[in-house]
Amino acid sequence: MCIDLNSLRPGKGEGLHIMRVLICDDHPIVASAIGMTLECAFDAQVQVVNTCAAALEEARVAGPFDLLMLDLHIPGEDPAGNLRAARAACPDTPIVVFSGSEDPAYLRLALELDINGFLPKSSRPEVLEAALRLVMAGGRYLPDAVRALALADTLGPVPPAPESAETAPALQAVLSLGSELTERQHEVLQLLATGAANKQIARALGISPYTVKAHVAQVLLVLGATNRTQAVDFARRQGLI
C-alpha cells in the first residue's frame, strides 16, 4: 500500500476531490504513458497540452491544478523561460519537470525556482509513480545529478559541536535542515538508523520500496549526506533521531 490519497482529499461530508493534473509535452506517446500512470495510481483527471503557452492559458482558465508536469525541451521553446513562466503562473502548484537530458544549467534553475521534481524521461513507470507520490505528499524528488548540484550548495562537511559563539550560527543553519523533513521522512530516517533495508522499511510503513527509495533520496538531500550511513551519523550528532 502506498501513501493514502484520502489524506489529500476532503472528508466524506465535504465531497470528493478529484486530483487534476496538467501535462505539457509535445510527444503524444510520452504524455499518454504518463497520463495513464497518473490515472491508474491516483485516479486522476488528466489534461494534456503540447506547448507551454497552452499550459499557462489552461492554468489561467481552468486552474488551479493539483499538479503540473512540464516537458523541459519542447522544440522552438525556451526551457528556462518556460520554467520561470510556469512557476510564476502556478506559484502554489507542485511542478514536476521531465526531460530527456540533464543539462546542469537547467537542473540548477529548477532548484532555484523550487521545482518539486525532476524526472528523466528514461524513468521506469514504478519510479515515476513513487516520485509523484513523494511530491504529492509534500516532498521533492531529484535524481542523482540534480541532488549532486544541490549538495554542492549545502554546508559541506558536518561541523563539530560549537565551542564558541562564532560557530553557533553555522550549527543553527545545520539544525534547521531537520525541519525540512516531512513526518514520513522522519519515520524513514528512524528506520535507517536501525539498519533496515528499503524492503524492510517498506513493510514497516506500508509503502512500496520505490517510495522508500524516493524518501531516502530526499533525506540525503536535506541532510547534505552522500550515503545512508553518513545521514544517520549526522542525524544522531545533531539530535534529529
C-alpha atoms as a PDB file:
ATOM      1  CA  MET A   1       0.000   0.000   0.000  1.00  0.00           C
ATOM      2  CA  CYS A   2       1.286   3.443  -0.926  1.00  0.00           C
ATOM      3  CA  ILE A   3       0.577   6.849   0.574  1.00  0.00           C
ATOM      4  CA  ASP A   4      -3.122   7.176   1.311  1.00  0.00           C
ATOM      5  CA  LEU A   5      -4.523   9.659  -1.163  1.00  0.00           C
ATOM      6  CA  ASN A   6      -7.542  10.169   1.099  1.00  0.00           C
ATOM      7  CA  SER A   7      -5.268  12.325   3.242  1.00  0.00           C
ATOM      8  CA  LEU A   8      -5.077  14.689   0.275  1.00  0.00           C
ATOM      9  CA  ARG A   9      -8.841  14.821  -0.164  1.00  0.00           C
ATOM     10  CA  PRO A  10     -11.745  16.329   1.792  1.00  0.00           C
ATOM     11  CA  GLY A  11     -13.784  14.162   4.131  1.00  0.00           C
ATOM     12  CA  LYS A  12     -16.942  12.367   3.097  1.00  0.00           C
ATOM     13  CA  GLY A  13     -19.109  15.232   4.190  1.00  0.00           C
ATOM     14  CA  GLU A  14     -17.148  17.705   2.146  1.00  0.00           C
ATOM     15  CA  GLY A  15     -17.379  15.978  -1.207  1.00  0.00           C
ATOM     16  CA  LEU A  16     -14.752  14.021  -3.103  1.00  0.00           C
ATOM     17  CA  HIS A  17     -11.845  15.937  -4.596  1.00  0.00           C
ATOM     18  CA  ILE A  18     -10.627  14.572  -7.904  1.00  0.00           C
ATOM     19  CA  MET A  19      -6.928  15.134  -8.427  1.00  0.00           C
ATOM     20  CA  ARG A  20      -6.448  17.306 -11.531  1.00  0.00           C
ATOM     21  CA  VAL A  21      -3.195  17.091 -13.469  1.00  0.00           C
ATOM     22  CA  LEU A  22      -1.983  19.182 -16.393  1.00  0.00           C
ATOM     23  CA  ILE A  23       0.696  17.613 -18.611  1.00  0.00           C
ATOM     24  CA  CYS A  24       2.641  19.725 -21.105  1.00  0.00           C
ATOM     25  CA  ASP A  25       4.537  17.595 -23.623  1.00  0.00           C
ATOM     26  CA  ASP A  26       4.864  17.667 -27.402  1.00  0.00           C
ATOM     27  CA  HIS A  27       5.248  13.855 -27.606  1.00  0.00           C
ATOM     28  CA  PRO A  28       1.767  12.254 -27.542  1.00  0.00           C
ATOM     29  CA  ILE A  29       3.105   8.787 -26.664  1.00  0.00           C
ATOM     30  CA  VAL A  30       5.100  10.074 -23.691  1.00  0.00           C
ATOM     31  CA  ALA A  31       2.199  12.213 -22.481  1.00  0.00           C
ATOM     32  CA  SER A  32      -0.179   9.285 -22.852  1.00  0.00           C
ATOM     33  CA  ALA A  33       2.085   6.950 -20.863  1.00  0.00           C
ATOM     34  CA  ILE A  34       2.487   9.469 -18.036  1.00  0.00           C
ATOM     35  CA  GLY A  35      -1.235  10.199 -18.082  1.00  0.00           C
ATOM     36  CA  MET A  36      -2.109   6.502 -17.818  1.00  0.00           C
ATOM     37  CA  THR A  37       0.223   6.122 -14.837  1.00  0.00           C
ATOM     38  CA  LEU A  38      -1.444   9.065 -13.105  1.00  0.00           C
ATOM     39  CA  GLU A  39      -4.950   7.858 -13.872  1.00  0.00           C
ATOM     40  CA  CYS A  40      -4.225   4.373 -12.554  1.00  0.00           C
ATOM     41  CA  ALA A  41      -2.184   5.341  -9.490  1.00  0.00           C
ATOM     42  CA  PHE A  42      -4.093   8.440  -8.391  1.00  0.00           C
ATOM     43  CA  ASP A  43      -7.477   8.107 -10.084  1.00  0.00           C
ATOM     44  CA  ALA A  44      -6.565  11.499 -11.505  1.00  0.00           C
ATOM     45  CA  GLN A  45      -8.224  13.614 -14.154  1.00  0.00           C
ATOM     46  CA  VAL A  46      -5.508  14.338 -16.708  1.00  0.00           C
ATOM     47  CA  GLN A  47      -5.387  17.057 -19.340  1.00  0.00           C
ATOM     48  CA  VAL A  48      -2.627  17.235 -21.980  1.00  0.00           C
ATOM     49  CA  VAL A  49      -1.359  20.233 -23.966  1.00  0.00           C
ATOM     50  CA  ASN A  50       1.660  20.414 -26.256  1.00  0.00           C
ATOM     51  CA  THR A  51       3.071  23.918 -25.643  1.00  0.00           C
ATOM     52  CA  CYS A  52       3.944  25.893 -22.540  1.00  0.00           C
ATOM     53  CA  ALA A  53       1.772  28.768 -23.746  1.00  0.00           C
ATOM     54  CA  ALA A  54      -1.206  26.409 -23.914  1.00  0.00           C
ATOM     55  CA  ALA A  55      -0.405  25.118 -20.440  1.00  0.00           C
ATOM     56  CA  LEU A  56      -0.275  28.617 -18.984  1.00  0.00           C
ATOM     57  CA  GLU A  57      -3.566  29.520 -20.641  1.00  0.00           C
ATOM     58  CA  GLU A  58      -5.173  26.316 -19.357  1.00  0.00           C
ATOM     59  CA  ALA A  59      -3.904  27.038 -15.860  1.00  0.00           C
ATOM     60  CA  ARG A  60      -5.365  30.538 -16.083  1.00  0.00           C
ATOM     61  CA  VAL A  61      -8.746  29.451 -17.408  1.00  0.00           C
ATOM     62  CA  ALA A  62      -9.293  26.071 -15.738  1.00  0.00           C
ATOM     63  CA  GLY A  63      -6.860  26.153 -12.793  1.00  0.00           C
ATOM     64  CA  PRO A  64      -5.744  25.644 -10.213  1.00  0.00           C
ATOM     65  CA  PHE A  65      -4.444  22.135 -10.905  1.00  0.00           C
ATOM     66  CA  ASP A  66      -3.089  19.771  -8.265  1.00  0.00           C
ATOM     67  CA  LEU A  67       0.000  19.001 -10.322  1.00  0.00           C
ATOM     68  CA  LEU A  68       1.728  20.435 -13.390  1.00  0.00           C
ATOM     69  CA  MET A  69       4.096  18.209 -15.360  1.00  0.00           C
ATOM     70  CA  LEU A  70       6.244  20.122 -17.821  1.00  0.00           C
ATOM     71  CA  ASP A  71       8.458  18.807 -20.603  1.00  0.00           C
ATOM     72  CA  LEU A  72      11.642  20.837 -20.336  1.00  0.00           C
ATOM     73  CA  HIS A  73      12.592  20.617 -24.014  1.00  0.00           C
ATOM     74  CA  ILE A  74       9.771  21.470 -26.409  1.00  0.00           C
ATOM     75  CA  PRO A  75      11.014  22.344 -29.916  1.00  0.00           C
ATOM     76  CA  GLY A  76      11.013  26.081 -30.585  1.00  0.00           C
ATOM     77  CA  GLU A  77      10.546  26.999 -26.928  1.00  0.00           C
ATOM     78  CA  ASP A  78      12.946  28.357 -24.319  1.00  0.00           C
ATOM     79  CA  PRO A  79      13.361  25.855 -21.446  1.00  0.00           C
ATOM     80  CA  ALA A  80      14.480  28.470 -18.926  1.00  0.00           C
ATOM     81  CA  GLY A  81      11.690  30.831 -19.950  1.00  0.00           C
ATOM     82  CA  ASN A  82       9.133  28.034 -19.655  1.00  0.00           C
ATOM     83  CA  LEU A  83      10.320  27.123 -16.168  1.00  0.00           C
ATOM     84  CA  ARG A  84      10.115  30.719 -14.970  1.00  0.00           C
ATOM     85  CA  ALA A  85       6.727  31.309 -16.597  1.00  0.00           C
ATOM     86  CA  ALA A  86       5.264  28.100 -15.184  1.00  0.00           C
ATOM     87  CA  ARG A  87       6.396  28.859 -11.649  1.00  0.00           C
ATOM     88  CA  ALA A  88       5.152  32.463 -11.865  1.00  0.00           C
ATOM     89  CA  ALA A  89       1.757  31.373 -13.211  1.00  0.00           C
ATOM     90  CA  CYS A  90       1.361  28.486 -10.747  1.00  0.00           C
ATOM     91  CA  PRO A  91       3.088  29.625  -7.532  1.00  0.00           C
ATOM     92  CA  ASP A  92       1.209  27.172  -5.301  1.00  0.00           C
ATOM     93  CA  THR A  93       1.073  24.193  -7.664  1.00  0.00           C
ATOM     94  CA  PRO A  94       3.591  21.343  -7.408  1.00  0.00           C
ATOM     95  CA  ILE A  95       5.594  21.307 -10.642  1.00  0.00           C
ATOM     96  CA  VAL A  96       7.450  18.258 -11.900  1.00  0.00           C
ATOM     97  CA  VAL A  97       9.792  18.668 -14.840  1.00  0.00           C
ATOM     98  CA  PHE A  98      10.634  15.756 -17.093  1.00  0.00           C
ATOM     99  CA  SER A  99      13.326  15.758 -19.727  1.00  0.00           C
ATOM    100  CA  GLY A 100      15.454  13.613 -21.985  1.00  0.00           C
ATOM    101  CA  SER A 101      18.617  15.424 -20.873  1.00  0.00           C
ATOM    102  CA  GLU A 102      20.183  16.596 -17.629  1.00  0.00           C
ATOM    103  CA  ASP A 103      21.841  19.884 -18.600  1.00  0.00           C
ATOM    104  CA  PRO A 104      23.356  21.272 -15.352  1.00  0.00           C
ATOM    105  CA  ALA A 105      22.209  24.812 -16.170  1.00  0.00           C
ATOM    106  CA  TYR A 106      18.565  23.754 -16.336  1.00  0.00           C
ATOM    107  CA  LEU A 107      18.882  21.480 -13.320  1.00  0.00           C
ATOM    108  CA  ARG A 108      20.238  24.341 -11.252  1.00  0.00           C
ATOM    109  CA  LEU A 109      17.498  26.679 -12.488  1.00  0.00           C
ATOM    110  CA  ALA A 110      14.896  24.092 -11.499  1.00  0.00           C
ATOM    111  CA  LEU A 111      16.364  24.069  -7.985  1.00  0.00           C
ATOM    112  CA  GLU A 112      16.405  27.862  -7.806  1.00  0.00           C
ATOM    113  CA  LEU A 113      12.738  28.018  -8.840  1.00  0.00           C
ATOM    114  CA  ASP A 114      11.785  25.425  -6.221  1.00  0.00           C
ATOM    115  CA  ILE A 115      10.589  22.868  -8.771  1.00  0.00           C
ATOM    116  CA  ASN A 116       9.144  19.896  -6.875  1.00  0.00           C
ATOM    117  CA  GLY A 117      10.557  17.131  -9.018  1.00  0.00           C
ATOM    118  CA  PHE A 118      12.891  16.441 -11.907  1.00  0.00           C
ATOM    119  CA  LEU A 119      12.270  13.183 -13.790  1.00  0.00           C
ATOM    120  CA  PRO A 120      14.384  11.850 -16.672  1.00  0.00           C
ATOM    121  CA  LYS A 121      12.167  10.511 -19.464  1.00  0.00           C
ATOM    122  CA  SER A 122      14.024   7.216 -19.105  1.00  0.00           C
ATOM    123  CA  SER A 123      12.429   6.676 -15.664  1.00  0.00           C
ATOM    124  CA  ARG A 124      10.539   3.405 -15.237  1.00  0.00           C
ATOM    125  CA  PRO A 125       6.783   3.618 -14.552  1.00  0.00           C
ATOM    126  CA  GLU A 126       7.203   2.443 -10.957  1.00  0.00           C
ATOM    127  CA  VAL A 127       9.828   5.134 -10.348  1.00  0.00           C
ATOM    128  CA  LEU A 128       7.518   7.737 -11.890  1.00  0.00           C
ATOM    129  CA  GLU A 129       4.681   6.668  -9.595  1.00  0.00           C
ATOM    130  CA  ALA A 130       6.858   6.673  -6.469  1.00  0.00           C
ATOM    131  CA  ALA A 131       8.315  10.077  -7.351  1.00  0.00           C
ATOM    132  CA  LEU A 132       4.881  11.606  -7.884  1.00  0.00           C
ATOM    133  CA  ARG A 133       3.576  10.137  -4.635  1.00  0.00           C
ATOM    134  CA  LEU A 134       6.509  11.744  -2.852  1.00  0.00           C
ATOM    135  CA  VAL A 135       5.784  15.111  -4.492  1.00  0.00           C
ATOM    136  CA  MET A 136       2.059  14.943  -3.701  1.00  0.00           C
ATOM    137  CA  ALA A 137       2.930  14.120  -0.083  1.00  0.00           C
ATOM    138  CA  GLY A 138       4.879  17.382   0.140  1.00  0.00           C
ATOM    139  CA  GLY A 139       8.360  16.082  -0.682  1.00  0.00           C
ATOM    140  CA  ARG A 140      10.713  16.671  -3.564  1.00  0.00           C
ATOM    141  CA  TYR A 141      12.078  14.097  -5.999  1.00  0.00           C
ATOM    142  CA  LEU A 142      15.517  14.686  -7.508  1.00  0.00           C
ATOM    143  CA  PRO A 143      17.700  12.213  -9.440  1.00  0.00           C
ATOM    144  CA  ASP A 144      21.369  11.843  -8.555  1.00  0.00           C
ATOM    145  CA  ALA A 145      22.572  14.520 -10.985  1.00  0.00           C
ATOM    146  CA  VAL A 146      20.233  17.127  -9.512  1.00  0.00           C
ATOM    147  CA  ARG A 147      20.947  16.077  -5.943  1.00  0.00           C
ATOM    148  CA  ALA A 148      24.671  16.467  -6.575  1.00  0.00           C
ATOM    149  CA  LEU A 149      24.089  20.056  -7.698  1.00  0.00           C
ATOM    150  CA  ALA A 150      22.006  20.742  -4.611  1.00  0.00           C
ATOM    151  CA  LEU A 151      24.604  19.253  -2.303  1.00  0.00           C
ATOM    152  CA  ALA A 152      27.263  21.455  -3.879  1.00  0.00           C
ATOM    153  CA  ASP A 153      25.387  24.439  -2.401  1.00  0.00           C
ATOM    154  CA  THR A 154      24.893  22.993   1.093  1.00  0.00           C
ATOM    155  CA  LEU A 155      27.049  23.486   4.118  1.00  0.00           C
ATOM    156  CA  GLY A 156      29.568  20.807   3.156  1.00  0.00           C
ATOM    157  CA  PRO A 157      31.093  18.629   5.902  1.00  0.00           C
ATOM    158  CA  VAL A 158      29.175  18.413   9.153  1.00  0.00           C
ATOM    159  CA  PRO A 159      30.693  20.973  11.551  1.00  0.00           C
ATOM    160  CA  PRO A 160      31.913  19.914  15.015  1.00  0.00           C
ATOM    161  CA  ALA A 161      29.985  20.803  18.132  1.00  0.00           C
ATOM    162  CA  PRO A 162      30.292  24.546  18.792  1.00  0.00           C
ATOM    163  CA  GLU A 163      32.970  25.628  21.236  1.00  0.00           C
ATOM    164  CA  SER A 164      32.364  29.338  20.930  1.00  0.00           C
ATOM    165  CA  ALA A 165      29.742  31.838  19.848  1.00  0.00           C
ATOM    166  CA  GLU A 166      31.410  32.061  16.435  1.00  0.00           C
ATOM    167  CA  THR A 167      30.348  28.535  15.491  1.00  0.00           C
ATOM    168  CA  ALA A 168      26.750  28.834  16.731  1.00  0.00           C
ATOM    169  CA  PRO A 169      25.242  30.388  13.551  1.00  0.00           C
ATOM    170  CA  ALA A 170      26.663  27.601  11.366  1.00  0.00           C
ATOM    171  CA  LEU A 171      25.301  24.927  13.692  1.00  0.00           C
ATOM    172  CA  GLN A 172      21.901  26.619  13.799  1.00  0.00           C
ATOM    173  CA  ALA A 173      21.797  26.544   9.987  1.00  0.00           C
ATOM    174  CA  VAL A 174      22.553  22.826  10.040  1.00  0.00           C
ATOM    175  CA  LEU A 175      19.914  22.093  12.667  1.00  0.00           C
ATOM    176  CA  SER A 176      17.290  23.933  10.627  1.00  0.00           C
ATOM    177  CA  LEU A 177      17.660  21.304   7.899  1.00  0.00           C
ATOM    178  CA  GLY A 178      15.859  18.802  10.082  1.00  0.00           C
ATOM    179  CA  SER A 179      12.681  20.867   9.924  1.00  0.00           C
ATOM    180  CA  GLU A 180      12.598  20.390   6.149  1.00  0.00           C
ATOM    181  CA  LEU A 181      11.910  16.669   6.550  1.00  0.00           C
ATOM    182  CA  THR A 182       8.299  15.532   6.382  1.00  0.00           C
ATOM    183  CA  GLU A 183       6.827  13.304   9.087  1.00  0.00           C
ATOM    184  CA  ARG A 184       7.151  10.301   6.773  1.00  0.00           C
ATOM    185  CA  GLN A 185      10.793  11.118   6.063  1.00  0.00           C
ATOM    186  CA  HIS A 186      11.481  11.307   9.798  1.00  0.00           C
ATOM    187  CA  GLU A 187       9.987   7.810  10.073  1.00  0.00           C
ATOM    188  CA  VAL A 188      12.219   6.580   7.254  1.00  0.00           C
ATOM    189  CA  LEU A 189      15.248   8.172   8.939  1.00  0.00           C
ATOM    190  CA  GLN A 190      14.412   6.439  12.224  1.00  0.00           C
ATOM    191  CA  LEU A 191      14.286   3.085  10.444  1.00  0.00           C
ATOM    192  CA  LEU A 192      17.507   3.819   8.561  1.00  0.00           C
ATOM    193  CA  ALA A 193      19.132   4.234  11.971  1.00  0.00           C
ATOM    194  CA  THR A 194      18.185   0.634  12.817  1.00  0.00           C
ATOM    195  CA  GLY A 195      19.990  -0.618   9.722  1.00  0.00           C
ATOM    196  CA  ALA A 196      16.760  -1.586   7.958  1.00  0.00           C
ATOM    197  CA  ALA A 197      16.902  -2.152   4.199  1.00  0.00           C
ATOM    198  CA  ASN A 198      14.454  -0.469   1.820  1.00  0.00           C
ATOM    199  CA  LYS A 199      12.192  -3.544   1.640  1.00  0.00           C
ATOM    200  CA  GLN A 200      12.060  -3.762   5.432  1.00  0.00           C
ATOM    201  CA  ILE A 201      11.215  -0.075   5.703  1.00  0.00           C
ATOM    202  CA  ALA A 202       8.526  -0.517   3.047  1.00  0.00           C
ATOM    203  CA  ARG A 203       6.913  -3.346   5.010  1.00  0.00           C
ATOM    204  CA  ALA A 204       7.116  -1.438   8.291  1.00  0.00           C
ATOM    205  CA  LEU A 205       5.488   1.703   6.850  1.00  0.00           C
ATOM    206  CA  GLY A 206       3.100   0.030   4.416  1.00  0.00           C
ATOM    207  CA  ILE A 207       4.533   1.735   1.345  1.00  0.00           C
ATOM    208  CA  SER A 208       6.347   0.494  -1.750  1.00  0.00           C
ATOM    209  CA  PRO A 209      10.153   0.067  -1.926  1.00  0.00           C
ATOM    210  CA  TYR A 210      10.212   2.632  -4.719  1.00  0.00           C
ATOM    211  CA  THR A 211       8.503   5.179  -2.467  1.00  0.00           C
ATOM    212  CA  VAL A 212      11.041   4.363   0.244  1.00  0.00           C
ATOM    213  CA  LYS A 213      13.854   4.956  -2.229  1.00  0.00           C
ATOM    214  CA  ALA A 214      12.401   8.370  -3.092  1.00  0.00           C
ATOM    215  CA  HIS A 215      12.117   9.273   0.614  1.00  0.00           C
ATOM    216  CA  VAL A 216      15.690   8.163   1.293  1.00  0.00           C
ATOM    217  CA  ALA A 217      16.932  10.353  -1.572  1.00  0.00           C
ATOM    218  CA  GLN A 218      15.101  13.330  -0.059  1.00  0.00           C
ATOM    219  CA  VAL A 219      16.548  12.608   3.406  1.00  0.00           C
ATOM    220  CA  LEU A 220      20.067  12.548   1.977  1.00  0.00           C
ATOM    221  CA  LEU A 221      19.434  15.794   0.115  1.00  0.00           C
ATOM    222  CA  VAL A 222      18.050  17.652   3.120  1.00  0.00           C
ATOM    223  CA  LEU A 223      20.787  16.436   5.463  1.00  0.00           C
ATOM    224  CA  GLY A 224      23.565  17.041   2.942  1.00  0.00           C
ATOM    225  CA  ALA A 225      24.703  13.418   3.161  1.00  0.00           C
ATOM    226  CA  THR A 226      26.183  11.288   0.399  1.00  0.00           C
ATOM    227  CA  ASN A 227      25.038   7.918   1.781  1.00  0.00           C
ATOM    228  CA  ARG A 228      22.722   6.350   4.361  1.00  0.00           C
ATOM    229  CA  THR A 229      25.418   5.835   6.984  1.00  0.00           C
ATOM    230  CA  GLN A 230      26.507   9.457   6.818  1.00  0.00           C
ATOM    231  CA  ALA A 231      22.885  10.620   7.057  1.00  0.00           C
ATOM    232  CA  VAL A 232      22.266   8.549  10.194  1.00  0.00           C
ATOM    233  CA  ASP A 233      25.539   9.692  11.789  1.00  0.00           C
ATOM    234  CA  PHE A 234      24.709  13.318  11.003  1.00  0.00           C
ATOM    235  CA  ALA A 235      21.171  12.986  12.370  1.00  0.00           C
ATOM    236  CA  ARG A 236      22.388  11.404  15.604  1.00  0.00           C
ATOM    237  CA  ARG A 237      25.057  14.028  16.214  1.00  0.00           C
ATOM    238  CA  GLN A 238      22.531  16.809  15.681  1.00  0.00           C
ATOM    239  CA  GLY A 239      19.827  15.228  17.825  1.00  0.00           C
ATOM    240  CA  LEU A 240      17.413  14.641  14.948  1.00  0.00           C
ATOM    241  CA  ILE A 241      16.944  10.982  15.951  1.00  0.00           C
END
